[in-house]
């Protein structure tokens, strides 16, 4: 078994980063599920939302 030393600031930054990624992923998953549920009743809204998501992916570096 190996021993690894991690500084508190580094550990806290990793935890905050992981929480941010988990939150963004959960929001994206929820959005996709919601859009799938309403695609037949409101296809224009679904299209607009998907276009907006595609633009956001193009603007940002997203690691999901």
N, C-alpha and C. Protein backbone atom coordinates (compact mmCIF):
# COMPACT_ATOMS: atom_id res chain seq x y z
N UNK A 1 0.84 -1.18 0.00
CA UNK A 1 0.00 0.00 0.00
C UNK A 1 0.89 1.24 0.00
N UNK A 2 0.53 2.19 -0.85
CA UNK A 2 1.33 3.41 -0.98
C UNK A 2 0.74 4.53 -0.16
N UNK A 3 1.58 5.42 0.28
CA UNK A 3 1.15 6.61 1.00
C UNK A 3 1.29 7.80 0.07
N UNK A 4 0.23 8.59 -0.03
CA UNK A 4 0.25 9.77 -0.88
C UNK A 4 -0.06 10.99 -0.02
N UNK A 5 0.73 12.02 -0.17
CA UNK A 5 0.50 13.26 0.56
C UNK A 5 -0.20 14.25 -0.36
N UNK A 6 -1.34 14.76 0.08
CA UNK A 6 -2.09 15.75 -0.69
C UNK A 6 -2.30 16.96 0.21
N UNK A 7 -1.96 18.11 -0.30
CA UNK A 7 -2.15 19.32 0.47
C UNK A 7 -3.62 19.68 0.56
N UNK A 8 -4.02 20.28 1.64
CA UNK A 8 -5.43 20.59 1.89
C UNK A 8 -6.02 21.47 0.79
N UNK A 9 -5.30 22.49 0.37
CA UNK A 9 -5.81 23.37 -0.69
C UNK A 9 -6.03 22.60 -2.00
N UNK A 10 -5.08 21.74 -2.34
CA UNK A 10 -5.22 20.93 -3.55
C UNK A 10 -6.41 20.00 -3.43
N UNK A 11 -6.57 19.37 -2.30
CA UNK A 11 -7.70 18.47 -2.06
C UNK A 11 -9.02 19.23 -2.16
N UNK A 12 -9.11 20.38 -1.52
CA UNK A 12 -10.35 21.17 -1.57
C UNK A 12 -10.67 21.62 -2.99
N UNK A 13 -9.65 22.00 -3.75
CA UNK A 13 -9.87 22.39 -5.15
C UNK A 13 -10.38 21.21 -5.98
N UNK A 14 -9.85 20.03 -5.73
CA UNK A 14 -10.32 18.85 -6.44
C UNK A 14 -11.78 18.54 -6.09
N UNK A 15 -12.12 18.65 -4.82
CA UNK A 15 -13.49 18.38 -4.38
C UNK A 15 -14.45 19.40 -5.01
N UNK A 16 -14.10 20.67 -5.01
CA UNK A 16 -14.95 21.71 -5.61
C UNK A 16 -15.11 21.48 -7.11
N UNK A 17 -14.03 21.12 -7.78
CA UNK A 17 -14.09 20.87 -9.21
C UNK A 17 -14.99 19.66 -9.51
N UNK A 18 -14.83 18.61 -8.73
CA UNK A 18 -15.67 17.42 -8.93
C UNK A 18 -17.14 17.74 -8.71
N UNK A 19 -17.45 18.52 -7.68
CA UNK A 19 -18.83 18.90 -7.41
C UNK A 19 -19.40 19.72 -8.55
N UNK A 20 -18.60 20.62 -9.09
CA UNK A 20 -19.04 21.44 -10.22
C UNK A 20 -19.36 20.57 -11.43
N UNK A 21 -18.48 19.62 -11.74
CA UNK A 21 -18.73 18.73 -12.87
C UNK A 21 -19.96 17.87 -12.65
N UNK A 22 -20.13 17.35 -11.43
CA UNK A 22 -21.29 16.52 -11.13
C UNK A 22 -22.58 17.31 -11.27
N UNK A 23 -22.57 18.57 -10.82
CA UNK A 23 -23.75 19.43 -10.91
C UNK A 23 -24.09 19.72 -12.37
N UNK A 24 -23.08 20.05 -13.16
CA UNK A 24 -23.31 20.34 -14.58
C UNK A 24 -23.82 19.10 -15.32
N UNK A 25 -23.27 17.95 -14.99
CA UNK A 25 -23.72 16.71 -15.63
C UNK A 25 -25.17 16.40 -15.26
N UNK A 26 -25.52 16.57 -13.98
CA UNK A 26 -26.89 16.31 -13.54
C UNK A 26 -27.87 17.25 -14.24
N UNK A 27 -27.49 18.52 -14.38
CA UNK A 27 -28.35 19.49 -15.07
C UNK A 27 -28.54 19.10 -16.54
N UNK A 28 -27.46 18.69 -17.19
CA UNK A 28 -27.55 18.28 -18.58
C UNK A 28 -28.41 17.04 -18.74
N UNK A 29 -28.23 16.06 -17.86
CA UNK A 29 -29.05 14.85 -17.92
C UNK A 29 -30.52 15.17 -17.71
N UNK A 30 -30.83 16.03 -16.76
CA UNK A 30 -32.22 16.42 -16.51
C UNK A 30 -32.83 17.14 -17.70
N UNK A 31 -32.04 18.02 -18.31
CA UNK A 31 -32.51 18.75 -19.48
C UNK A 31 -32.83 17.80 -20.63
N UNK A 32 -31.95 16.86 -20.87
CA UNK A 32 -32.17 15.90 -21.95
C UNK A 32 -33.41 15.06 -21.69
N UNK A 33 -33.58 14.60 -20.47
CA UNK A 33 -34.77 13.81 -20.14
C UNK A 33 -36.06 14.62 -20.30
N UNK A 34 -36.02 15.87 -19.86
CA UNK A 34 -37.20 16.73 -19.98
C UNK A 34 -37.52 17.00 -21.44
N UNK A 35 -36.50 17.26 -22.24
CA UNK A 35 -36.73 17.50 -23.67
C UNK A 35 -37.30 16.26 -24.36
N UNK A 36 -36.83 15.10 -23.97
CA UNK A 36 -37.34 13.86 -24.56
C UNK A 36 -38.82 13.67 -24.22
N UNK A 37 -39.22 14.12 -23.04
CA UNK A 37 -40.62 13.98 -22.63
C UNK A 37 -41.56 14.92 -23.38
N UNK A 38 -41.06 16.09 -23.79
CA UNK A 38 -41.95 17.07 -24.40
C UNK A 38 -41.75 17.24 -25.91
N UNK A 39 -40.93 16.39 -26.51
CA UNK A 39 -40.61 16.57 -27.92
C UNK A 39 -41.85 16.47 -28.81
N UNK A 40 -42.82 15.65 -28.46
CA UNK A 40 -44.01 15.51 -29.30
C UNK A 40 -45.00 16.67 -29.09
N UNK A 41 -45.03 17.24 -27.91
CA UNK A 41 -46.00 18.30 -27.63
C UNK A 41 -45.48 19.70 -27.96
N UNK A 42 -44.16 19.88 -27.92
CA UNK A 42 -43.61 21.21 -28.17
C UNK A 42 -42.26 21.09 -28.89
N UNK A 43 -42.27 20.65 -30.15
CA UNK A 43 -41.00 20.41 -30.85
C UNK A 43 -40.18 21.68 -31.10
N UNK A 44 -40.84 22.83 -31.23
CA UNK A 44 -40.09 24.07 -31.46
C UNK A 44 -39.24 24.44 -30.24
N UNK A 45 -39.80 24.27 -29.06
CA UNK A 45 -39.05 24.55 -27.83
C UNK A 45 -37.86 23.60 -27.71
N UNK A 46 -38.09 22.33 -28.02
CA UNK A 46 -37.02 21.34 -27.95
C UNK A 46 -35.90 21.72 -28.91
N UNK A 47 -36.26 22.10 -30.11
CA UNK A 47 -35.26 22.49 -31.11
C UNK A 47 -34.45 23.70 -30.64
N UNK A 48 -35.14 24.72 -30.12
CA UNK A 48 -34.45 25.92 -29.63
C UNK A 48 -33.51 25.59 -28.48
N UNK A 49 -33.97 24.75 -27.57
CA UNK A 49 -33.15 24.40 -26.42
C UNK A 49 -31.93 23.59 -26.85
N UNK A 50 -32.10 22.67 -27.78
CA UNK A 50 -30.97 21.89 -28.28
C UNK A 50 -29.96 22.78 -29.01
N UNK A 51 -30.46 23.74 -29.76
CA UNK A 51 -29.55 24.68 -30.43
C UNK A 51 -28.77 25.49 -29.41
N UNK A 52 -29.44 25.91 -28.36
CA UNK A 52 -28.78 26.66 -27.30
C UNK A 52 -27.71 25.82 -26.60
N UNK A 53 -28.03 24.56 -26.33
CA UNK A 53 -27.05 23.66 -25.72
C UNK A 53 -25.85 23.45 -26.64
N UNK A 54 -26.11 23.29 -27.93
CA UNK A 54 -25.02 23.10 -28.89
C UNK A 54 -24.12 24.32 -28.94
N UNK A 55 -24.70 25.51 -28.87
CA UNK A 55 -23.90 26.73 -28.84
C UNK A 55 -23.06 26.81 -27.58
N UNK A 56 -23.65 26.42 -26.44
CA UNK A 56 -22.91 26.44 -25.18
C UNK A 56 -21.73 25.48 -25.23
N UNK A 57 -21.91 24.31 -25.85
CA UNK A 57 -20.81 23.36 -25.97
C UNK A 57 -19.72 23.91 -26.88
N UNK A 58 -20.12 24.68 -27.88
CA UNK A 58 -19.14 25.26 -28.79
C UNK A 58 -18.34 26.38 -28.16
N UNK A 59 -18.95 27.10 -27.22
CA UNK A 59 -18.29 28.24 -26.59
C UNK A 59 -17.36 27.84 -25.46
N UNK A 60 -17.69 26.78 -24.76
CA UNK A 60 -16.96 26.42 -23.55
C UNK A 60 -16.19 25.12 -23.76
N UNK A 61 -15.21 24.96 -22.94
CA UNK A 61 -14.53 23.67 -22.85
C UNK A 61 -15.32 22.85 -21.86
N UNK A 62 -16.01 21.82 -22.35
CA UNK A 62 -16.89 21.03 -21.50
C UNK A 62 -16.35 19.62 -21.39
N UNK A 63 -16.12 19.18 -20.18
CA UNK A 63 -15.62 17.82 -19.93
C UNK A 63 -16.71 17.01 -19.26
N UNK A 64 -17.68 16.58 -20.04
CA UNK A 64 -18.75 15.77 -19.44
C UNK A 64 -18.65 14.35 -19.91
